[in-house]
């Protein structure tokens, strides 16, 4: 990984709202399957970031946000031990430099700090992220066909993963 990339937690996104929105639009328009379809409007991205109540980690290179990941802590009484990894994104111009891996490792560290011992996530079958998750020790729990609609209107499967015993 590029030693100049810094991973940090944002406690307020106001200052970074435009940068985060630009990142979201960029990766969605590049085909990322993270809950949105291209072509994404900037206003949609702004609305999304403005409504989040999660632990948000960002990767910065020379002060610019080049990636992010979210950790959704389960607030249910029977789920205080688990969290969901969501919306792992790396700007296309900075991929293959270990940014996604660094974001995931920091998310796992935050999960441990929050007393979480189980992480879950899902990703579109066949995406490069599947290789990242398995290399980090995530175990495939199952596959659901026709889970997400792609930009061309086709339905595609998703793979669910988990990682247990973090603590």
N, C-alpha and C. Protein backbone atom coordinates (compact mmCIF):
# COMPACT_ATOMS: atom_id res chain seq x y z
N UNK A 1 0.84 -1.18 0.00
CA UNK A 1 0.00 0.00 0.00
C UNK A 1 0.88 1.24 0.00
N UNK A 2 0.41 2.27 -0.63
CA UNK A 2 1.08 3.56 -0.65
C UNK A 2 1.16 4.09 0.78
N UNK A 3 2.36 4.32 1.28
CA UNK A 3 2.57 4.75 2.66
C UNK A 3 1.96 6.12 2.93
N UNK A 4 1.68 6.88 1.89
CA UNK A 4 1.11 8.21 2.08
C UNK A 4 -0.40 8.19 2.31
N UNK A 5 -1.05 7.03 2.11
CA UNK A 5 -2.48 6.93 2.33
C UNK A 5 -2.75 6.82 3.81
N UNK A 6 -3.64 7.65 4.30
CA UNK A 6 -4.01 7.66 5.72
C UNK A 6 -5.48 7.27 5.84
N UNK A 7 -5.76 6.35 6.77
CA UNK A 7 -7.14 5.95 7.04
C UNK A 7 -7.58 6.67 8.30
N UNK A 8 -8.73 7.33 8.23
CA UNK A 8 -9.23 8.03 9.40
C UNK A 8 -10.75 7.90 9.49
N UNK A 9 -11.24 8.06 10.71
CA UNK A 9 -12.68 8.03 10.93
C UNK A 9 -13.20 9.45 10.84
N UNK A 10 -14.28 9.62 10.10
CA UNK A 10 -14.94 10.93 10.05
C UNK A 10 -16.08 10.93 11.05
N UNK A 11 -16.09 11.88 11.94
CA UNK A 11 -17.19 12.00 12.89
C UNK A 11 -18.23 13.00 12.40
N UNK A 12 -17.85 13.78 11.42
CA UNK A 12 -18.77 14.72 10.78
C UNK A 12 -18.43 14.76 9.30
N UNK A 13 -19.43 14.71 8.46
CA UNK A 13 -19.14 14.68 7.02
C UNK A 13 -19.37 16.01 6.32
N UNK A 14 -19.86 17.00 7.04
CA UNK A 14 -20.19 18.28 6.42
C UNK A 14 -19.09 18.83 5.52
N UNK A 15 -17.87 18.87 6.04
CA UNK A 15 -16.74 19.41 5.29
C UNK A 15 -16.41 18.55 4.08
N UNK A 16 -16.68 17.25 4.16
CA UNK A 16 -16.31 16.30 3.12
C UNK A 16 -17.47 15.86 2.24
N UNK A 17 -18.64 16.46 2.41
CA UNK A 17 -19.84 16.00 1.71
C UNK A 17 -19.66 15.99 0.19
N UNK A 18 -19.10 17.03 -0.37
CA UNK A 18 -18.92 17.07 -1.83
C UNK A 18 -17.94 16.02 -2.31
N UNK A 19 -16.84 15.86 -1.57
CA UNK A 19 -15.83 14.87 -1.95
C UNK A 19 -16.37 13.44 -1.86
N UNK A 20 -17.11 13.16 -0.79
CA UNK A 20 -17.72 11.84 -0.64
C UNK A 20 -18.76 11.59 -1.72
N UNK A 21 -19.53 12.61 -2.05
CA UNK A 21 -20.54 12.48 -3.10
C UNK A 21 -19.89 12.24 -4.45
N UNK A 22 -18.79 12.94 -4.74
CA UNK A 22 -18.05 12.73 -5.98
C UNK A 22 -17.53 11.29 -6.06
N UNK A 23 -16.99 10.78 -4.95
CA UNK A 23 -16.50 9.41 -4.91
C UNK A 23 -17.62 8.42 -5.19
N UNK A 24 -18.76 8.61 -4.56
CA UNK A 24 -19.89 7.71 -4.75
C UNK A 24 -20.37 7.72 -6.20
N UNK A 25 -20.53 8.88 -6.77
CA UNK A 25 -20.96 8.99 -8.17
C UNK A 25 -19.94 8.31 -9.08
N UNK A 26 -18.65 8.53 -8.83
CA UNK A 26 -17.60 7.98 -9.67
C UNK A 26 -17.61 6.46 -9.67
N UNK A 27 -17.70 5.84 -8.48
CA UNK A 27 -17.64 4.38 -8.44
C UNK A 27 -18.93 3.74 -8.93
N UNK A 28 -20.07 4.39 -8.68
CA UNK A 28 -21.34 3.87 -9.20
C UNK A 28 -21.34 3.94 -10.72
N UNK A 29 -20.93 5.07 -11.27
CA UNK A 29 -20.90 5.21 -12.72
C UNK A 29 -19.88 4.30 -13.37
N UNK A 30 -18.90 3.83 -12.60
CA UNK A 30 -17.92 2.87 -13.10
C UNK A 30 -18.44 1.43 -13.01
N UNK A 31 -19.62 1.25 -12.41
CA UNK A 31 -20.23 -0.08 -12.38
C UNK A 31 -20.25 -0.78 -11.04
N UNK A 32 -19.78 -0.12 -9.98
CA UNK A 32 -19.79 -0.76 -8.66
C UNK A 32 -21.22 -1.11 -8.25
N UNK A 33 -21.38 -2.29 -7.69
CA UNK A 33 -22.69 -2.74 -7.22
C UNK A 33 -22.79 -2.47 -5.73
N UNK A 34 -23.15 -1.25 -5.39
CA UNK A 34 -23.25 -0.86 -3.99
C UNK A 34 -24.61 -0.23 -3.68
N UNK A 35 -25.62 -0.69 -4.38
CA UNK A 35 -26.98 -0.25 -4.08
C UNK A 35 -27.53 0.84 -4.97
N UNK A 36 -26.74 1.32 -5.90
CA UNK A 36 -27.17 2.38 -6.80
C UNK A 36 -26.91 1.98 -8.24
N UNK A 37 -27.61 2.62 -9.17
CA UNK A 37 -27.40 2.35 -10.59
C UNK A 37 -26.87 3.60 -11.29
N UNK A 38 -26.00 3.39 -12.30
CA UNK A 38 -25.55 4.55 -13.08
C UNK A 38 -26.67 4.99 -14.01
N UNK A 39 -26.68 6.13 -14.45
CA UNK A 39 -25.83 7.23 -14.08
C UNK A 39 -26.43 7.91 -12.85
N UNK A 40 -25.60 8.07 -11.88
CA UNK A 40 -26.05 8.61 -10.60
C UNK A 40 -25.95 10.13 -10.61
N UNK A 41 -26.98 10.75 -10.09
CA UNK A 41 -26.98 12.20 -9.98
C UNK A 41 -26.25 12.63 -8.72
N UNK A 42 -25.56 13.74 -8.80
CA UNK A 42 -24.85 14.28 -7.65
C UNK A 42 -25.81 14.50 -6.48
N UNK A 43 -27.01 14.96 -6.77
CA UNK A 43 -27.98 15.22 -5.70
C UNK A 43 -28.36 13.94 -4.96
N UNK A 44 -28.41 12.81 -5.67
CA UNK A 44 -28.70 11.52 -5.03
C UNK A 44 -27.58 11.16 -4.05
N UNK A 45 -26.35 11.39 -4.48
CA UNK A 45 -25.19 11.08 -3.63
C UNK A 45 -25.19 11.97 -2.40
N UNK A 46 -25.47 13.24 -2.57
CA UNK A 46 -25.52 14.16 -1.43
C UNK A 46 -26.59 13.72 -0.44
N UNK A 47 -27.76 13.34 -0.96
CA UNK A 47 -28.85 12.87 -0.09
C UNK A 47 -28.41 11.63 0.69
N UNK A 48 -27.73 10.71 0.01
CA UNK A 48 -27.28 9.48 0.67
C UNK A 48 -26.35 9.79 1.84
N UNK A 49 -25.30 10.57 1.57
CA UNK A 49 -24.33 10.86 2.63
C UNK A 49 -24.94 11.68 3.75
N UNK A 50 -25.90 12.49 3.44
CA UNK A 50 -26.52 13.34 4.45
C UNK A 50 -27.40 12.58 5.42
N UNK A 51 -27.70 11.32 5.13
CA UNK A 51 -28.65 10.58 5.98
C UNK A 51 -28.00 9.40 6.70
N UNK A 52 -26.69 9.35 6.79
CA UNK A 52 -26.00 8.18 7.37
C UNK A 52 -25.80 8.32 8.87
N UNK A 53 -25.98 7.23 9.58
CA UNK A 53 -25.70 7.15 11.01
C UNK A 53 -24.87 5.90 11.26
N UNK A 54 -23.60 5.95 10.84
CA UNK A 54 -22.71 4.79 10.89
C UNK A 54 -21.29 5.27 11.22
N UNK A 55 -20.40 4.30 11.47
CA UNK A 55 -18.97 4.64 11.56
C UNK A 55 -18.46 4.71 10.13
N UNK A 56 -17.96 5.84 9.76
CA UNK A 56 -17.48 6.08 8.40
C UNK A 56 -15.97 6.26 8.43
N UNK A 57 -15.27 5.40 7.68
CA UNK A 57 -13.82 5.50 7.56
C UNK A 57 -13.48 5.94 6.15
N UNK A 58 -12.50 6.81 6.02
CA UNK A 58 -12.07 7.27 4.70
C UNK A 58 -10.57 7.07 4.55
N UNK A 59 -10.16 6.86 3.32
CA UNK A 59 -8.74 6.81 2.97
C UNK A 59 -8.41 8.13 2.28
N UNK A 60 -7.36 8.78 2.75
CA UNK A 60 -6.95 10.05 2.17
C UNK A 60 -5.53 9.93 1.64
N UNK A 61 -5.31 10.51 0.49
CA UNK A 61 -3.99 10.61 -0.10
C UNK A 61 -3.76 12.07 -0.43
N UNK A 62 -2.76 12.65 0.18
CA UNK A 62 -2.45 14.06 0.01
C UNK A 62 -3.68 14.93 0.28
N UNK A 63 -4.43 14.54 1.33
CA UNK A 63 -5.59 15.31 1.76
C UNK A 63 -6.86 15.06 0.97
N UNK A 64 -6.79 14.23 -0.07
CA UNK A 64 -7.96 13.95 -0.91
C UNK A 64 -8.53 12.59 -0.55
N UNK A 65 -9.85 12.50 -0.42
CA UNK A 65 -10.50 11.23 -0.15
C UNK A 65 -10.44 10.36 -1.40
N UNK A 66 -9.84 9.17 -1.26
CA UNK A 66 -9.70 8.24 -2.40
C UNK A 66 -10.43 6.92 -2.14
N UNK A 67 -11.05 6.79 -0.98
CA UNK A 67 -11.79 5.58 -0.67
C UNK A 67 -12.55 5.72 0.63
N UNK A 68 -13.50 4.80 0.85
CA UNK A 68 -14.24 4.81 2.10
C UNK A 68 -14.88 3.45 2.35
N UNK A 69 -15.25 3.23 3.59
CA UNK A 69 -16.00 2.04 3.99
C UNK A 69 -16.86 2.43 5.19
N UNK A 70 -17.97 1.73 5.35
CA UNK A 70 -18.87 1.99 6.47
C UNK A 70 -18.97 0.76 7.34
N UNK A 71 -19.13 0.99 8.64
CA UNK A 71 -19.37 -0.07 9.59
C UNK A 71 -20.72 0.23 10.25
N UNK A 72 -21.71 -0.60 9.95
CA UNK A 72 -23.05 -0.44 10.50
C UNK A 72 -23.15 -1.33 11.74
N UNK A 73 -23.22 -0.72 12.89
CA UNK A 73 -23.32 -1.46 14.14
C UNK A 73 -24.77 -1.87 14.37
N UNK A 74 -25.01 -3.15 14.61
CA UNK A 74 -26.36 -3.62 14.87
C UNK A 74 -26.82 -3.07 16.22
N UNK A 75 -28.00 -2.48 16.25
CA UNK A 75 -28.50 -1.90 17.50
C UNK A 75 -29.59 -2.77 18.14
N UNK A 76 -29.90 -3.90 17.55
CA UNK A 76 -30.92 -4.79 18.12
C UNK A 76 -30.36 -5.44 19.38
N UNK A 77 -31.25 -5.74 20.33
CA UNK A 77 -30.82 -6.34 21.59
C UNK A 77 -30.07 -7.64 21.38
N UNK A 78 -30.49 -8.43 20.40
CA UNK A 78 -29.83 -9.72 20.18
C UNK A 78 -28.67 -9.63 19.20
N UNK A 79 -28.31 -8.41 18.79
CA UNK A 79 -27.27 -8.26 17.78
C UNK A 79 -26.11 -7.37 18.17
N UNK A 80 -25.97 -7.10 19.45
CA UNK A 80 -24.90 -6.21 19.90
C UNK A 80 -23.50 -6.74 19.66
N UNK A 81 -23.39 -7.96 19.21
CA UNK A 81 -22.08 -8.58 18.94
C UNK A 81 -21.71 -8.50 17.46
N UNK A 82 -22.59 -7.95 16.62
CA UNK A 82 -22.31 -7.99 15.19
C UNK A 82 -22.41 -6.61 14.54
N UNK A 83 -21.81 -6.54 13.36
CA UNK A 83 -21.85 -5.32 12.54
C UNK A 83 -21.79 -5.73 11.08
N UNK A 84 -22.17 -4.81 10.22
CA UNK A 84 -22.12 -5.05 8.78
C UNK A 84 -21.13 -4.10 8.13
N UNK A 85 -20.29 -4.66 7.27
CA UNK A 85 -19.40 -3.86 6.43
C UNK A 85 -20.21 -3.44 5.21
N UNK A 86 -20.17 -2.16 4.87
CA UNK A 86 -20.97 -1.68 3.74
C UNK A 86 -20.22 -0.63 2.92
N UNK A 87 -20.53 -0.61 1.67
CA UNK A 87 -20.07 0.43 0.74
C UNK A 87 -18.57 0.64 0.74
N UNK A 88 -17.81 -0.45 0.61
CA UNK A 88 -16.37 -0.31 0.43
C UNK A 88 -16.13 0.26 -0.96
N UNK A 89 -15.46 1.41 -1.02
CA UNK A 89 -15.22 2.09 -2.30
C UNK A 89 -13.79 2.56 -2.38
N UNK A 90 -13.18 2.37 -3.55
CA UNK A 90 -11.88 2.97 -3.85
C UNK A 90 -12.01 3.65 -5.20
N UNK A 91 -11.59 4.89 -5.26
CA UNK A 91 -11.62 5.65 -6.52
C UNK A 91 -10.88 4.85 -7.58
N UNK A 92 -11.42 4.80 -8.79
CA UNK A 92 -10.83 3.95 -9.84
C UNK A 92 -9.38 4.31 -10.15
N UNK A 93 -9.01 5.54 -9.96
CA UNK A 93 -7.63 5.95 -10.24
C UNK A 93 -6.63 5.50 -9.19
N UNK A 94 -7.12 4.91 -8.09
CA UNK A 94 -6.23 4.53 -6.99
C UNK A 94 -6.36 3.06 -6.61
N UNK A 95 -7.02 2.28 -7.43
CA UNK A 95 -7.20 0.86 -7.12
C UNK A 95 -5.90 0.09 -7.29
N UNK A 96 -5.87 -1.11 -6.67
CA UNK A 96 -4.73 -2.03 -6.73
C UNK A 96 -3.52 -1.48 -5.97
N UNK A 97 -3.78 -0.64 -4.97
CA UNK A 97 -2.72 -0.08 -4.13
C UNK A 97 -2.91 -0.42 -2.65
N UNK A 98 -3.81 -1.34 -2.34
CA UNK A 98 -4.01 -1.76 -0.97
C UNK A 98 -4.95 -0.88 -0.16
N UNK A 99 -5.61 0.06 -0.81
CA UNK A 99 -6.50 0.97 -0.08
C UNK A 99 -7.71 0.23 0.47
N UNK A 100 -8.34 -0.60 -0.35
CA UNK A 100 -9.49 -1.37 0.11
C UNK A 100 -9.13 -2.28 1.27
N UNK A 101 -8.00 -2.94 1.18
CA UNK A 101 -7.53 -3.82 2.26
C UNK A 101 -7.30 -3.01 3.53
N UNK A 102 -6.66 -1.86 3.43
CA UNK A 102 -6.41 -1.02 4.60
C UNK A 102 -7.71 -0.54 5.23
N UNK A 103 -8.67 -0.18 4.40
CA UNK A 103 -9.97 0.24 4.92
C UNK A 103 -10.66 -0.91 5.65
N UNK A 104 -10.60 -2.12 5.08
CA UNK A 104 -11.22 -3.28 5.72
C UNK A 104 -10.55 -3.60 7.05
N UNK A 105 -9.23 -3.56 7.09
CA UNK A 105 -8.52 -3.85 8.33
C UNK A 105 -8.86 -2.83 9.42
N UNK A 106 -8.98 -1.58 9.04
CA UNK A 106 -9.35 -0.55 10.01
C UNK A 106 -10.80 -0.73 10.46
N UNK A 107 -11.68 -1.13 9.55
CA UNK A 107 -13.07 -1.40 9.93
C UNK A 107 -13.14 -2.55 10.92
N UNK A 108 -12.34 -3.58 10.71
CA UNK A 108 -12.30 -4.70 11.64
C UNK A 108 -11.79 -4.24 13.01
N UNK A 109 -10.78 -3.40 13.00
CA UNK A 109 -10.24 -2.87 14.26
C UNK A 109 -11.30 -2.06 15.01
N UNK A 110 -12.04 -1.23 14.29
CA UNK A 110 -13.12 -0.44 14.91
C UNK A 110 -14.20 -1.35 15.45
N UNK A 111 -14.53 -2.41 14.70
CA UNK A 111 -15.55 -3.35 15.15
C UNK A 111 -15.14 -3.99 16.48
N UNK A 112 -13.87 -4.39 16.58
CA UNK A 112 -13.36 -4.97 17.83
C UNK A 112 -13.48 -3.96 18.97
N UNK A 113 -13.11 -2.70 18.69
CA UNK A 113 -13.20 -1.66 19.71
C UNK A 113 -14.63 -1.47 20.19
N UNK A 114 -15.58 -1.72 19.32
CA UNK A 114 -17.00 -1.59 19.64
C UNK A 114 -17.57 -2.87 20.25
N UNK A 115 -16.71 -3.86 20.50
CA UNK A 115 -17.15 -5.11 21.11
C UNK A 115 -17.85 -6.06 20.16
N UNK A 116 -17.62 -5.89 18.87
CA UNK A 116 -18.26 -6.75 17.86
C UNK A 116 -17.34 -7.92 17.55
N UNK A 117 -17.92 -9.11 17.50
CA UNK A 117 -17.14 -10.32 17.22
C UNK A 117 -17.53 -10.97 15.90
N UNK A 118 -18.58 -10.47 15.26
CA UNK A 118 -19.06 -11.03 13.99
C UNK A 118 -19.29 -9.90 13.00
N UNK A 119 -18.69 -10.03 11.82
CA UNK A 119 -18.92 -9.08 10.73
C UNK A 119 -19.58 -9.82 9.58
N UNK A 120 -20.50 -9.13 8.91
CA UNK A 120 -21.15 -9.68 7.71
C UNK A 120 -21.06 -8.64 6.60
N UNK A 121 -21.12 -9.13 5.38
CA UNK A 121 -21.13 -8.24 4.22
C UNK A 121 -21.66 -9.01 3.02
N UNK A 122 -21.99 -8.29 1.98
CA UNK A 122 -22.34 -8.95 0.73
C UNK A 122 -21.77 -8.16 -0.43
N UNK A 123 -21.55 -8.87 -1.53
CA UNK A 123 -21.02 -8.25 -2.73
C UNK A 123 -21.48 -9.02 -3.96
N UNK A 124 -21.55 -8.34 -5.06
CA UNK A 124 -22.00 -8.98 -6.30
C UNK A 124 -21.06 -10.11 -6.69
N UNK A 125 -21.63 -11.22 -7.06
CA UNK A 125 -20.83 -12.37 -7.49
C UNK A 125 -19.97 -11.99 -8.69
N UNK A 126 -18.70 -12.36 -8.64
CA UNK A 126 -17.79 -12.10 -9.74
C UNK A 126 -17.01 -10.81 -9.64
N UNK A 127 -17.38 -9.91 -8.74
CA UNK A 127 -16.64 -8.67 -8.59
C UNK A 127 -15.27 -8.95 -7.97
N UNK A 128 -14.28 -8.11 -8.26
CA UNK A 128 -12.95 -8.30 -7.68
C UNK A 128 -12.96 -8.29 -6.15
N UNK A 129 -13.94 -7.63 -5.56
CA UNK A 129 -14.00 -7.56 -4.10
C UNK A 129 -14.15 -8.94 -3.46
N UNK A 130 -14.71 -9.91 -4.18
CA UNK A 130 -14.81 -11.26 -3.64
C UNK A 130 -13.43 -11.80 -3.26
N UNK A 131 -12.44 -11.54 -4.09
CA UNK A 131 -11.08 -12.00 -3.81
C UNK A 131 -10.50 -11.31 -2.58
N UNK A 132 -10.78 -10.03 -2.45
CA UNK A 132 -10.30 -9.29 -1.27
C UNK A 132 -10.89 -9.88 0.00
N UNK A 133 -12.19 -10.09 0.01
CA UNK A 133 -12.83 -10.57 1.24
C UNK A 133 -12.33 -11.96 1.63
N UNK A 134 -12.21 -12.85 0.67
CA UNK A 134 -11.72 -14.19 1.02
C UNK A 134 -10.27 -14.14 1.47
N UNK A 135 -9.47 -13.25 0.89
CA UNK A 135 -8.06 -13.14 1.31
C UNK A 135 -7.94 -12.60 2.73
N UNK A 136 -8.98 -11.92 3.21
CA UNK A 136 -8.99 -11.38 4.57
C UNK A 136 -9.63 -12.35 5.55
N UNK A 137 -9.99 -13.54 5.09
CA UNK A 137 -10.53 -14.56 5.98
C UNK A 137 -12.04 -14.60 6.08
N UNK A 138 -12.73 -13.87 5.23
CA UNK A 138 -14.19 -13.94 5.23
C UNK A 138 -14.64 -15.25 4.60
N UNK A 139 -15.69 -15.82 5.14
CA UNK A 139 -16.20 -17.11 4.71
C UNK A 139 -17.52 -16.91 3.98
N UNK A 140 -17.65 -17.56 2.82
CA UNK A 140 -18.88 -17.44 2.06
C UNK A 140 -20.00 -18.16 2.81
N UNK A 141 -21.09 -17.43 3.07
CA UNK A 141 -22.23 -18.00 3.79
C UNK A 141 -23.32 -18.45 2.83
N UNK A 142 -23.38 -17.83 1.67
CA UNK A 142 -24.42 -18.19 0.73
C UNK A 142 -24.48 -17.26 -0.46
N UNK A 143 -25.30 -17.67 -1.40
CA UNK A 143 -25.47 -16.94 -2.66
C UNK A 143 -26.96 -16.77 -2.89
N UNK A 144 -27.36 -15.56 -3.24
CA UNK A 144 -28.75 -15.30 -3.58
C UNK A 144 -28.82 -14.85 -5.03
N UNK A 145 -29.52 -15.60 -5.87
CA UNK A 145 -29.64 -15.20 -7.28
C UNK A 145 -30.55 -13.98 -7.42
N UNK A 146 -30.34 -13.27 -8.50
CA UNK A 146 -31.22 -12.14 -8.85
C UNK A 146 -31.36 -11.12 -7.73
N UNK A 147 -30.31 -10.87 -6.99
CA UNK A 147 -30.35 -10.01 -5.80
C UNK A 147 -30.31 -8.52 -6.16
N UNK A 148 -29.46 -8.17 -7.12
CA UNK A 148 -29.27 -6.76 -7.45
C UNK A 148 -29.44 -6.53 -8.94
N UNK A 149 -30.05 -5.44 -9.28
CA UNK A 149 -30.24 -5.07 -10.67
C UNK A 149 -29.01 -4.32 -11.16
N UNK A 150 -28.52 -4.69 -12.33
CA UNK A 150 -27.34 -4.02 -12.88
C UNK A 150 -27.76 -2.87 -13.78
N UNK A 151 -26.78 -2.12 -14.24
CA UNK A 151 -27.04 -0.96 -15.09
C UNK A 151 -27.78 -1.34 -16.37
N UNK A 152 -27.55 -2.56 -16.88
CA UNK A 152 -28.20 -2.97 -18.13
C UNK A 152 -29.56 -3.60 -17.89
N UNK A 153 -30.02 -3.59 -16.63
CA UNK A 153 -31.33 -4.11 -16.30
C UNK A 153 -31.38 -5.57 -15.92
N UNK A 154 -30.25 -6.27 -16.05
CA UNK A 154 -30.20 -7.67 -15.67
C UNK A 154 -30.08 -7.80 -14.16
N UNK A 155 -30.64 -8.90 -13.64
CA UNK A 155 -30.50 -9.18 -12.21
C UNK A 155 -29.30 -10.08 -12.01
N UNK A 156 -28.53 -9.78 -10.97
CA UNK A 156 -27.30 -10.52 -10.72
C UNK A 156 -27.27 -11.04 -9.29
N UNK A 157 -26.55 -12.14 -9.07
CA UNK A 157 -26.48 -12.73 -7.73
C UNK A 157 -25.53 -11.96 -6.81
N UNK A 158 -25.75 -12.12 -5.52
CA UNK A 158 -24.84 -11.58 -4.53
C UNK A 158 -24.34 -12.72 -3.66
N UNK A 159 -23.17 -12.53 -3.11
CA UNK A 159 -22.57 -13.49 -2.20
C UNK A 159 -22.51 -12.85 -0.82
N UNK A 160 -22.97 -13.57 0.19
CA UNK A 160 -22.88 -13.12 1.58
C UNK A 160 -21.67 -13.76 2.23
N UNK A 161 -20.94 -12.96 2.99
CA UNK A 161 -19.75 -13.41 3.70
C UNK A 161 -19.87 -13.06 5.17
N UNK A 162 -19.11 -13.77 5.99
CA UNK A 162 -19.02 -13.42 7.41
C UNK A 162 -17.59 -13.70 7.89
N UNK A 163 -17.26 -13.03 8.98
CA UNK A 163 -16.00 -13.27 9.67
C UNK A 163 -16.32 -13.25 11.15
N UNK A 164 -15.99 -14.34 11.82
CA UNK A 164 -16.36 -14.54 13.21
C UNK A 164 -15.13 -14.48 14.11
N UNK A 165 -15.38 -14.38 15.39
CA UNK A 165 -14.32 -14.40 16.41
C UNK A 165 -13.31 -13.28 16.25
N UNK A 166 -13.81 -12.06 16.01
CA UNK A 166 -12.92 -10.91 15.91
C UNK A 166 -12.30 -10.57 17.26
N UNK A 167 -13.03 -10.81 18.33
CA UNK A 167 -12.58 -10.38 19.66
C UNK A 167 -11.82 -11.45 20.31
